[in-house]
């Protein structure tokens, strides 16, 4: 039996919960509040040096969130909230980015634990 050390990243349970929470918040109509778990996931992936691959997925999720947020805040919108500002296509893209990021975190976690 060989004893090899795994050097891949191991996303923590709070990070996985935050990714799924962001997805549920976006789908549930809490677009602006979903920025909190997205920021937490981004901070966790930037802090862990071993998670190069997860940074790409998390960065894509953060970009998918930051784009409509910036457009809503800087544009001439009359929408009272971010959720009402986003059309169904934008909400779908943000939700899809959340699903892909969550699955990537699960895959990396499963590979790093060997299960």
N, C-alpha and C. Protein backbone atom coordinates (compact mmCIF):
# COMPACT_ATOMS: atom_id res chain seq x y z
N UNK A 1 0.83 -1.16 0.00
CA UNK A 1 0.00 0.00 0.00
C UNK A 1 0.89 1.24 0.00
N UNK A 2 0.61 2.13 -0.90
CA UNK A 2 1.42 3.34 -0.96
C UNK A 2 0.77 4.44 -0.12
N UNK A 3 1.61 5.23 0.46
CA UNK A 3 1.10 6.35 1.25
C UNK A 3 1.41 7.64 0.51
N UNK A 4 0.45 8.09 -0.25
CA UNK A 4 0.62 9.34 -0.99
C UNK A 4 -0.20 10.42 -0.32
N UNK A 5 0.32 11.58 -0.35
CA UNK A 5 -0.41 12.71 0.20
C UNK A 5 -1.14 13.40 -0.94
N UNK A 6 -2.37 13.69 -0.69
CA UNK A 6 -3.13 14.41 -1.70
C UNK A 6 -2.85 15.89 -1.56
N UNK A 7 -2.58 16.52 -2.70
CA UNK A 7 -2.28 17.94 -2.67
C UNK A 7 -3.42 18.78 -3.23
N UNK A 8 -4.51 18.13 -3.57
CA UNK A 8 -5.62 18.92 -4.12
C UNK A 8 -6.37 19.62 -2.99
N UNK A 9 -7.16 20.57 -3.39
CA UNK A 9 -7.91 21.37 -2.42
C UNK A 9 -9.01 20.54 -1.80
N UNK A 10 -9.40 20.92 -0.63
CA UNK A 10 -10.48 20.25 0.07
C UNK A 10 -11.46 21.32 0.55
N UNK A 11 -12.49 21.62 -0.24
CA UNK A 11 -13.43 22.65 0.17
C UNK A 11 -14.12 22.25 1.48
N UNK A 12 -14.23 23.19 2.38
CA UNK A 12 -14.86 22.91 3.66
C UNK A 12 -16.38 22.85 3.50
N UNK A 13 -17.01 22.29 4.50
CA UNK A 13 -18.46 22.19 4.47
C UNK A 13 -19.13 23.57 4.45
N UNK A 14 -18.66 24.56 5.21
CA UNK A 14 -19.29 25.88 5.11
C UNK A 14 -19.21 26.49 3.71
N UNK A 15 -18.13 26.22 2.99
CA UNK A 15 -18.02 26.74 1.62
C UNK A 15 -19.05 26.07 0.73
N UNK A 16 -19.23 24.77 0.88
CA UNK A 16 -20.25 24.07 0.09
C UNK A 16 -21.65 24.58 0.42
N UNK A 17 -21.90 24.80 1.70
CA UNK A 17 -23.21 25.33 2.10
C UNK A 17 -23.41 26.73 1.52
N UNK A 18 -22.37 27.54 1.52
CA UNK A 18 -22.48 28.90 0.99
C UNK A 18 -22.76 28.90 -0.51
N UNK A 19 -22.13 27.99 -1.24
CA UNK A 19 -22.38 27.91 -2.69
C UNK A 19 -23.84 27.55 -2.95
N UNK A 20 -24.34 26.54 -2.25
CA UNK A 20 -25.73 26.14 -2.45
C UNK A 20 -26.69 27.20 -1.93
N UNK A 21 -26.33 27.89 -0.85
CA UNK A 21 -27.19 28.96 -0.33
C UNK A 21 -27.31 30.10 -1.34
N UNK A 22 -26.22 30.45 -1.99
CA UNK A 22 -26.27 31.50 -3.00
C UNK A 22 -27.21 31.11 -4.14
N UNK A 23 -27.13 29.86 -4.56
CA UNK A 23 -28.00 29.38 -5.63
C UNK A 23 -29.47 29.44 -5.21
N UNK A 24 -29.76 29.00 -3.99
CA UNK A 24 -31.14 29.02 -3.50
C UNK A 24 -31.64 30.45 -3.36
N UNK A 25 -30.77 31.35 -2.91
CA UNK A 25 -31.18 32.75 -2.75
C UNK A 25 -31.51 33.39 -4.10
N UNK A 26 -30.70 33.11 -5.10
CA UNK A 26 -30.96 33.67 -6.43
C UNK A 26 -32.27 33.12 -6.97
N UNK A 27 -32.45 31.81 -6.87
CA UNK A 27 -33.67 31.19 -7.38
C UNK A 27 -34.90 31.61 -6.57
N UNK A 28 -34.70 31.91 -5.29
CA UNK A 28 -35.82 32.29 -4.43
C UNK A 28 -36.17 33.76 -4.45
N UNK A 29 -35.42 34.56 -5.16
CA UNK A 29 -35.76 35.97 -5.28
C UNK A 29 -35.01 36.89 -4.32
N UNK A 30 -33.92 36.43 -3.78
CA UNK A 30 -33.11 37.25 -2.89
C UNK A 30 -31.77 37.54 -3.56
N UNK A 31 -31.81 38.20 -4.71
CA UNK A 31 -30.63 38.43 -5.52
C UNK A 31 -29.54 39.22 -4.83
N UNK A 32 -29.92 40.29 -4.15
CA UNK A 32 -28.92 41.14 -3.50
C UNK A 32 -28.28 40.43 -2.31
N UNK A 33 -29.07 39.71 -1.54
CA UNK A 33 -28.53 38.98 -0.39
C UNK A 33 -27.64 37.81 -0.80
N UNK A 34 -27.80 37.31 -2.00
CA UNK A 34 -26.96 36.19 -2.44
C UNK A 34 -25.51 36.60 -2.60
N UNK A 35 -25.24 37.88 -2.58
CA UNK A 35 -23.86 38.36 -2.66
C UNK A 35 -23.05 38.00 -1.42
N UNK A 36 -23.69 37.82 -0.28
CA UNK A 36 -22.98 37.48 0.95
C UNK A 36 -22.34 36.10 0.84
N UNK A 37 -23.09 35.03 0.51
CA UNK A 37 -22.42 33.74 0.39
C UNK A 37 -21.46 33.68 -0.81
N UNK A 38 -21.74 34.42 -1.86
CA UNK A 38 -20.82 34.45 -3.01
C UNK A 38 -19.50 35.07 -2.58
N UNK A 39 -19.55 36.14 -1.81
CA UNK A 39 -18.32 36.76 -1.32
C UNK A 39 -17.57 35.82 -0.38
N UNK A 40 -18.29 35.07 0.44
CA UNK A 40 -17.64 34.12 1.34
C UNK A 40 -16.94 33.01 0.57
N UNK A 41 -17.58 32.50 -0.47
CA UNK A 41 -16.97 31.45 -1.29
C UNK A 41 -15.76 31.99 -2.04
N UNK A 42 -15.87 33.20 -2.55
CA UNK A 42 -14.75 33.81 -3.25
C UNK A 42 -13.57 34.01 -2.31
N UNK A 43 -13.82 34.51 -1.12
CA UNK A 43 -12.74 34.72 -0.15
C UNK A 43 -12.09 33.40 0.24
N UNK A 44 -12.89 32.36 0.43
CA UNK A 44 -12.34 31.05 0.81
C UNK A 44 -11.50 30.45 -0.32
N UNK A 45 -11.95 30.60 -1.56
CA UNK A 45 -11.18 30.02 -2.66
C UNK A 45 -9.91 30.81 -2.95
N UNK A 46 -9.93 32.11 -2.71
CA UNK A 46 -8.71 32.91 -2.89
C UNK A 46 -7.71 32.68 -1.76
N UNK A 47 -8.21 32.36 -0.58
CA UNK A 47 -7.34 32.13 0.56
C UNK A 47 -6.60 30.80 0.48
N UNK A 48 -7.23 29.78 -0.13
CA UNK A 48 -6.62 28.46 -0.23
C UNK A 48 -5.75 28.39 -1.48
N UNK A 49 -4.47 28.25 -1.31
CA UNK A 49 -3.54 28.24 -2.45
C UNK A 49 -3.66 27.00 -3.30
N UNK A 50 -4.19 25.93 -2.74
CA UNK A 50 -4.27 24.67 -3.48
C UNK A 50 -5.46 24.61 -4.43
N UNK A 51 -6.34 25.56 -4.37
CA UNK A 51 -7.59 25.47 -5.14
C UNK A 51 -7.56 26.28 -6.43
N UNK A 52 -6.57 26.04 -7.26
CA UNK A 52 -6.47 26.78 -8.53
C UNK A 52 -7.71 26.58 -9.40
N UNK A 53 -8.13 25.34 -9.53
CA UNK A 53 -9.27 25.04 -10.41
C UNK A 53 -10.56 25.62 -9.85
N UNK A 54 -10.71 25.58 -8.54
CA UNK A 54 -11.93 26.13 -7.95
C UNK A 54 -12.00 27.63 -8.08
N UNK A 55 -10.85 28.28 -8.17
CA UNK A 55 -10.83 29.74 -8.34
C UNK A 55 -11.49 30.16 -9.64
N UNK A 56 -11.29 29.37 -10.70
CA UNK A 56 -11.90 29.71 -11.99
C UNK A 56 -13.42 29.63 -11.89
N UNK A 57 -13.92 28.56 -11.28
CA UNK A 57 -15.37 28.41 -11.15
C UNK A 57 -15.96 29.48 -10.23
N UNK A 58 -15.29 29.72 -9.12
CA UNK A 58 -15.77 30.73 -8.18
C UNK A 58 -15.68 32.13 -8.78
N UNK A 59 -14.63 32.39 -9.53
CA UNK A 59 -14.50 33.68 -10.21
C UNK A 59 -15.60 33.89 -11.24
N UNK A 60 -15.95 32.82 -11.95
CA UNK A 60 -17.04 32.92 -12.93
C UNK A 60 -18.37 33.21 -12.23
N UNK A 61 -18.58 32.58 -11.08
CA UNK A 61 -19.80 32.85 -10.31
C UNK A 61 -19.82 34.30 -9.82
N UNK A 62 -18.70 34.77 -9.32
CA UNK A 62 -18.62 36.15 -8.84
C UNK A 62 -18.83 37.14 -9.99
N UNK A 63 -18.28 36.84 -11.15
CA UNK A 63 -18.47 37.71 -12.31
C UNK A 63 -19.93 37.69 -12.78
N UNK A 64 -20.54 36.51 -12.75
CA UNK A 64 -21.95 36.40 -13.14
C UNK A 64 -22.84 37.18 -12.18
N UNK A 65 -22.42 37.32 -10.94
CA UNK A 65 -23.18 38.10 -9.97
C UNK A 65 -22.86 39.60 -10.09
N UNK A 66 -21.59 39.92 -10.25
CA UNK A 66 -21.17 41.32 -10.26
C UNK A 66 -21.67 42.08 -11.49
N UNK A 67 -21.83 41.39 -12.59
CA UNK A 67 -22.26 42.06 -13.82
C UNK A 67 -23.67 42.67 -13.69
N UNK A 68 -24.69 41.88 -13.35
CA UNK A 68 -26.01 42.53 -13.21
C UNK A 68 -26.08 43.49 -12.02
N UNK A 69 -25.31 43.21 -10.97
CA UNK A 69 -25.30 44.11 -9.82
C UNK A 69 -24.75 45.48 -10.21
N UNK A 70 -23.65 45.48 -10.94
CA UNK A 70 -23.06 46.75 -11.39
C UNK A 70 -23.97 47.48 -12.36
N UNK A 71 -24.58 46.74 -13.27
CA UNK A 71 -25.49 47.37 -14.23
C UNK A 71 -26.70 47.96 -13.53
N UNK A 72 -27.20 47.28 -12.50
CA UNK A 72 -28.36 47.78 -11.76
C UNK A 72 -28.00 49.04 -10.96
N UNK A 73 -26.81 49.02 -10.34
CA UNK A 73 -26.42 50.16 -9.51
C UNK A 73 -26.02 51.39 -10.32
N UNK A 74 -25.41 51.18 -11.48
CA UNK A 74 -24.91 52.32 -12.25
C UNK A 74 -25.83 52.75 -13.38
N UNK A 75 -26.75 51.89 -13.76
CA UNK A 75 -27.61 52.20 -14.90
C UNK A 75 -28.81 53.03 -14.52
N UNK A 76 -29.55 53.44 -15.53
CA UNK A 76 -30.75 54.26 -15.29
C UNK A 76 -31.98 53.39 -14.98
N UNK A 77 -31.82 52.44 -14.08
CA UNK A 77 -32.91 51.51 -13.80
C UNK A 77 -33.86 52.06 -12.75
N UNK A 78 -35.12 51.76 -12.92
CA UNK A 78 -36.14 52.14 -11.94
C UNK A 78 -36.52 50.95 -11.07
N UNK A 79 -35.84 49.81 -11.26
CA UNK A 79 -36.15 48.61 -10.49
C UNK A 79 -35.78 48.82 -9.02
N UNK A 80 -36.68 48.46 -8.11
CA UNK A 80 -36.39 48.68 -6.69
C UNK A 80 -35.41 47.67 -6.09
N UNK A 81 -35.19 46.54 -6.77
CA UNK A 81 -34.29 45.54 -6.23
C UNK A 81 -33.53 44.85 -7.37
N UNK A 82 -32.47 44.17 -7.00
CA UNK A 82 -31.68 43.45 -8.00
C UNK A 82 -32.49 42.31 -8.62
N UNK A 83 -33.28 41.66 -7.82
CA UNK A 83 -34.09 40.55 -8.32
C UNK A 83 -35.08 41.03 -9.37
N UNK A 84 -35.69 42.16 -9.15
CA UNK A 84 -36.65 42.69 -10.13
C UNK A 84 -35.95 43.24 -11.36
N UNK A 85 -34.69 43.62 -11.20
CA UNK A 85 -33.92 44.14 -12.33
C UNK A 85 -33.52 43.02 -13.28
N UNK A 86 -33.16 41.87 -12.73
CA UNK A 86 -32.67 40.76 -13.56
C UNK A 86 -33.83 40.13 -14.33
N UNK A 87 -33.62 39.92 -15.63
CA UNK A 87 -34.60 39.21 -16.41
C UNK A 87 -34.41 37.70 -16.20
N UNK A 88 -35.34 36.87 -16.67
CA UNK A 88 -35.21 35.43 -16.45
C UNK A 88 -33.92 34.82 -17.03
N UNK A 89 -33.44 35.36 -18.14
CA UNK A 89 -32.20 34.82 -18.73
C UNK A 89 -31.01 35.10 -17.81
N UNK A 90 -30.93 36.29 -17.26
CA UNK A 90 -29.84 36.63 -16.35
C UNK A 90 -29.91 35.79 -15.08
N UNK A 91 -31.11 35.62 -14.56
CA UNK A 91 -31.30 34.78 -13.38
C UNK A 91 -30.88 33.34 -13.69
N UNK A 92 -31.23 32.86 -14.87
CA UNK A 92 -30.84 31.51 -15.27
C UNK A 92 -29.33 31.35 -15.40
N UNK A 93 -28.68 32.36 -15.97
CA UNK A 93 -27.22 32.30 -16.11
C UNK A 93 -26.56 32.30 -14.74
N UNK A 94 -27.04 33.13 -13.84
CA UNK A 94 -26.48 33.19 -12.49
C UNK A 94 -26.74 31.88 -11.74
N UNK A 95 -27.92 31.33 -11.89
CA UNK A 95 -28.23 30.05 -11.25
C UNK A 95 -27.39 28.92 -11.84
N UNK A 96 -27.20 28.93 -13.15
CA UNK A 96 -26.36 27.90 -13.78
C UNK A 96 -24.92 28.00 -13.32
N UNK A 97 -24.41 29.23 -13.20
CA UNK A 97 -23.05 29.41 -12.69
C UNK A 97 -22.94 28.89 -11.26
N UNK A 98 -23.99 29.08 -10.46
CA UNK A 98 -24.00 28.57 -9.10
C UNK A 98 -24.00 27.05 -9.06
N UNK A 99 -24.78 26.43 -9.93
CA UNK A 99 -24.83 24.96 -9.98
C UNK A 99 -23.48 24.40 -10.41
N UNK A 100 -22.88 24.98 -11.44
CA UNK A 100 -21.58 24.50 -11.92
C UNK A 100 -20.51 24.66 -10.83
N UNK A 101 -20.53 25.78 -10.14
CA UNK A 101 -19.56 26.01 -9.07
C UNK A 101 -19.78 25.02 -7.92
N UNK A 102 -21.02 24.78 -7.55
CA UNK A 102 -21.31 23.83 -6.47
C UNK A 102 -20.87 22.43 -6.85
N UNK A 103 -21.14 22.02 -8.07
CA UNK A 103 -20.73 20.69 -8.52
C UNK A 103 -19.21 20.58 -8.55
N UNK A 104 -18.54 21.63 -9.01
CA UNK A 104 -17.07 21.61 -9.02
C UNK A 104 -16.52 21.47 -7.61
N UNK A 105 -17.11 22.17 -6.66
CA UNK A 105 -16.65 22.04 -5.27
C UNK A 105 -16.89 20.63 -4.74
N UNK A 106 -18.04 20.04 -5.08
CA UNK A 106 -18.31 18.67 -4.65
C UNK A 106 -17.33 17.68 -5.26
N UNK A 107 -17.04 17.84 -6.55
CA UNK A 107 -16.12 16.92 -7.22
C UNK A 107 -14.72 17.03 -6.62
N UNK A 108 -14.25 18.23 -6.40
CA UNK A 108 -12.92 18.41 -5.81
C UNK A 108 -12.88 17.86 -4.40
N UNK A 109 -13.94 18.06 -3.65
CA UNK A 109 -13.99 17.52 -2.28
C UNK A 109 -13.97 16.00 -2.30
N UNK A 110 -14.74 15.41 -3.20
CA UNK A 110 -14.79 13.95 -3.27
C UNK A 110 -13.43 13.38 -3.68
N UNK A 111 -12.78 14.02 -4.63
CA UNK A 111 -11.46 13.55 -5.06
C UNK A 111 -10.41 13.70 -3.97
N UNK A 112 -10.51 14.77 -3.20
CA UNK A 112 -9.49 15.01 -2.18
C UNK A 112 -9.68 14.09 -0.96
N UNK A 113 -10.90 13.62 -0.73
CA UNK A 113 -11.12 12.71 0.38
C UNK A 113 -10.97 11.25 -0.05
N UNK A 114 -10.98 11.01 -1.34
CA UNK A 114 -10.79 9.66 -1.84
C UNK A 114 -12.02 8.80 -1.78
N UNK A 115 -13.19 9.39 -1.62
CA UNK A 115 -14.44 8.62 -1.54
C UNK A 115 -15.15 8.60 -2.85
